Amino acid sequence: MATVNRFPVGPDAARRPDGGLVVAYDVLGGVFAVNNADPGAAGRPDGPGEMVYFAPDSLRWEALGAG
């Protein structure tokens, strides 16, 4: 997960994940992520702090309503 989220090698308090924080993958190729402060800039639905899912069948981010 550190590689996917591009975490720095050492601690960096100013570091913020681009677009959001990837938290899991599903076995079908989908991605679960938590939105950052500006999800619209990353093309993600819903608001900051909301959980979203990248669906491999539609190739779109979908809001899960779990934030």
C-alpha atoms as a PDB file:
ATOM      1  CA  MET A   1       0.000   0.000   0.000  1.00  0.00           C
ATOM      2  CA  ALA A   2       2.906   2.354   0.668  1.00  0.00           C
ATOM      3  CA  THR A   3       4.072   1.997  -2.939  1.00  0.00           C
ATOM      4  CA  VAL A   4       0.588   2.491  -4.420  1.00  0.00           C
ATOM      5  CA  ASN A   5       0.055   5.633  -2.326  1.00  0.00           C
ATOM      6  CA  ARG A   6       3.598   6.883  -3.088  1.00  0.00           C
ATOM      7  CA  PHE A   7       4.581   7.264   0.539  1.00  0.00           C
ATOM      8  CA  PRO A   8       8.015   8.825   1.058  1.00  0.00           C
ATOM      9  CA  VAL A   9      10.830   6.693   2.482  1.00  0.00           C
ATOM     10  CA  GLY A  10      11.007   8.827   5.625  1.00  0.00           C
ATOM     11  CA  PRO A  11       8.268  10.611   7.583  1.00  0.00           C
ATOM     12  CA  ASP A  12       6.886  13.778   5.989  1.00  0.00           C
ATOM     13  CA  ALA A  13       4.110  15.598   7.868  1.00  0.00           C
ATOM     14  CA  ALA A  14       3.344  17.768   4.824  1.00  0.00           C
ATOM     15  CA  ARG A  15       2.741  14.779   2.518  1.00  0.00           C
ATOM     16  CA  ARG A  16      -0.812  14.355   1.217  1.00  0.00           C
ATOM     17  CA  PRO A  17      -1.887  11.495  -1.097  1.00  0.00           C
ATOM     18  CA  ASP A  18      -2.770  12.618  -4.635  1.00  0.00           C
ATOM     19  CA  GLY A  19      -6.503  12.331  -5.179  1.00  0.00           C
ATOM     20  CA  GLY A  20      -7.045  10.209  -2.094  1.00  0.00           C
ATOM     21  CA  LEU A  21      -5.752   7.244  -0.180  1.00  0.00           C
ATOM     22  CA  VAL A  22      -6.009   3.749  -1.683  1.00  0.00           C
ATOM     23  CA  VAL A  23      -7.098   1.403   1.108  1.00  0.00           C
ATOM     24  CA  ALA A  24      -7.843  -1.903  -0.653  1.00  0.00           C
ATOM     25  CA  TYR A  25      -8.105  -3.842  -3.893  1.00  0.00           C
ATOM     26  CA  ASP A  26     -10.780  -6.403  -4.648  1.00  0.00           C
ATOM     27  CA  VAL A  27     -10.124  -9.716  -6.404  1.00  0.00           C
ATOM     28  CA  LEU A  28     -11.864  -8.536  -9.590  1.00  0.00           C
ATOM     29  CA  GLY A  29      -9.524  -5.562 -10.055  1.00  0.00           C
ATOM     30  CA  GLY A  30     -11.484  -2.815  -8.338  1.00  0.00           C
ATOM     31  CA  VAL A  31      -9.922  -0.237  -6.038  1.00  0.00           C
ATOM     32  CA  PHE A  32     -11.292   1.196  -2.786  1.00  0.00           C
ATOM     33  CA  ALA A  33     -10.059   4.667  -1.815  1.00  0.00           C
ATOM     34  CA  VAL A  34     -10.812   7.513   0.569  1.00  0.00           C
ATOM     35  CA  ASN A  35     -11.184  10.912  -1.114  1.00  0.00           C
ATOM     36  CA  ASN A  36      -8.814  13.756  -0.306  1.00  0.00           C
ATOM     37  CA  ALA A  37      -9.863  17.393   0.208  1.00  0.00           C
ATOM     38  CA  ASP A  38     -10.555  17.945  -3.524  1.00  0.00           C
ATOM     39  CA  PRO A  39     -11.986  14.736  -5.029  1.00  0.00           C
ATOM     40  CA  GLY A  40     -13.300  16.560  -8.105  1.00  0.00           C
ATOM     41  CA  ALA A  41      -9.740  17.378  -9.193  1.00  0.00           C
ATOM     42  CA  ALA A  42      -9.011  13.634  -9.224  1.00  0.00           C
ATOM     43  CA  GLY A  43     -12.253  12.810 -11.074  1.00  0.00           C
ATOM     44  CA  ARG A  44     -13.820  11.144  -8.056  1.00  0.00           C
ATOM     45  CA  PRO A  45     -17.451  11.516  -6.948  1.00  0.00           C
ATOM     46  CA  ASP A  46     -18.752  12.546  -3.542  1.00  0.00           C
ATOM     47  CA  GLY A  47     -17.047  14.695  -0.927  1.00  0.00           C
ATOM     48  CA  PRO A  48     -13.796  14.777   1.003  1.00  0.00           C
ATOM     49  CA  GLY A  49     -13.247  11.798   3.305  1.00  0.00           C
ATOM     50  CA  GLU A  50     -15.803   9.625   1.507  1.00  0.00           C
ATOM     51  CA  MET A  51     -15.073   6.042   0.474  1.00  0.00           C
ATOM     52  CA  VAL A  52     -15.232   5.444  -3.283  1.00  0.00           C
ATOM     53  CA  TYR A  53     -14.770   2.387  -5.485  1.00  0.00           C
ATOM     54  CA  PHE A  54     -13.197   2.167  -8.938  1.00  0.00           C
ATOM     55  CA  ALA A  55     -15.321  -0.418 -10.728  1.00  0.00           C
ATOM     56  CA  PRO A  56     -13.446  -2.482 -13.349  1.00  0.00           C
ATOM     57  CA  ASP A  57     -16.646  -3.168 -15.307  1.00  0.00           C
ATOM     58  CA  SER A  58     -17.546   0.504 -15.846  1.00  0.00           C
ATOM     59  CA  LEU A  59     -14.038   2.002 -15.477  1.00  0.00           C
ATOM     60  CA  ARG A  60     -15.530   4.721 -13.247  1.00  0.00           C
ATOM     61  CA  TRP A  61     -15.290   5.812  -9.642  1.00  0.00           C
ATOM     62  CA  GLU A  62     -18.506   5.150  -7.704  1.00  0.00           C
ATOM     63  CA  ALA A  63     -19.552   6.707  -4.396  1.00  0.00           C
ATOM     64  CA  LEU A  64     -20.243   4.110  -1.698  1.00  0.00           C
ATOM     65  CA  GLY A  65     -21.939   6.387   0.820  1.00  0.00           C
ATOM     66  CA  ALA A  66     -19.559   5.198   3.531  1.00  0.00           C
ATOM     67  CA  GLY A  67     -17.552   8.161   4.735  1.00  0.00           C
END
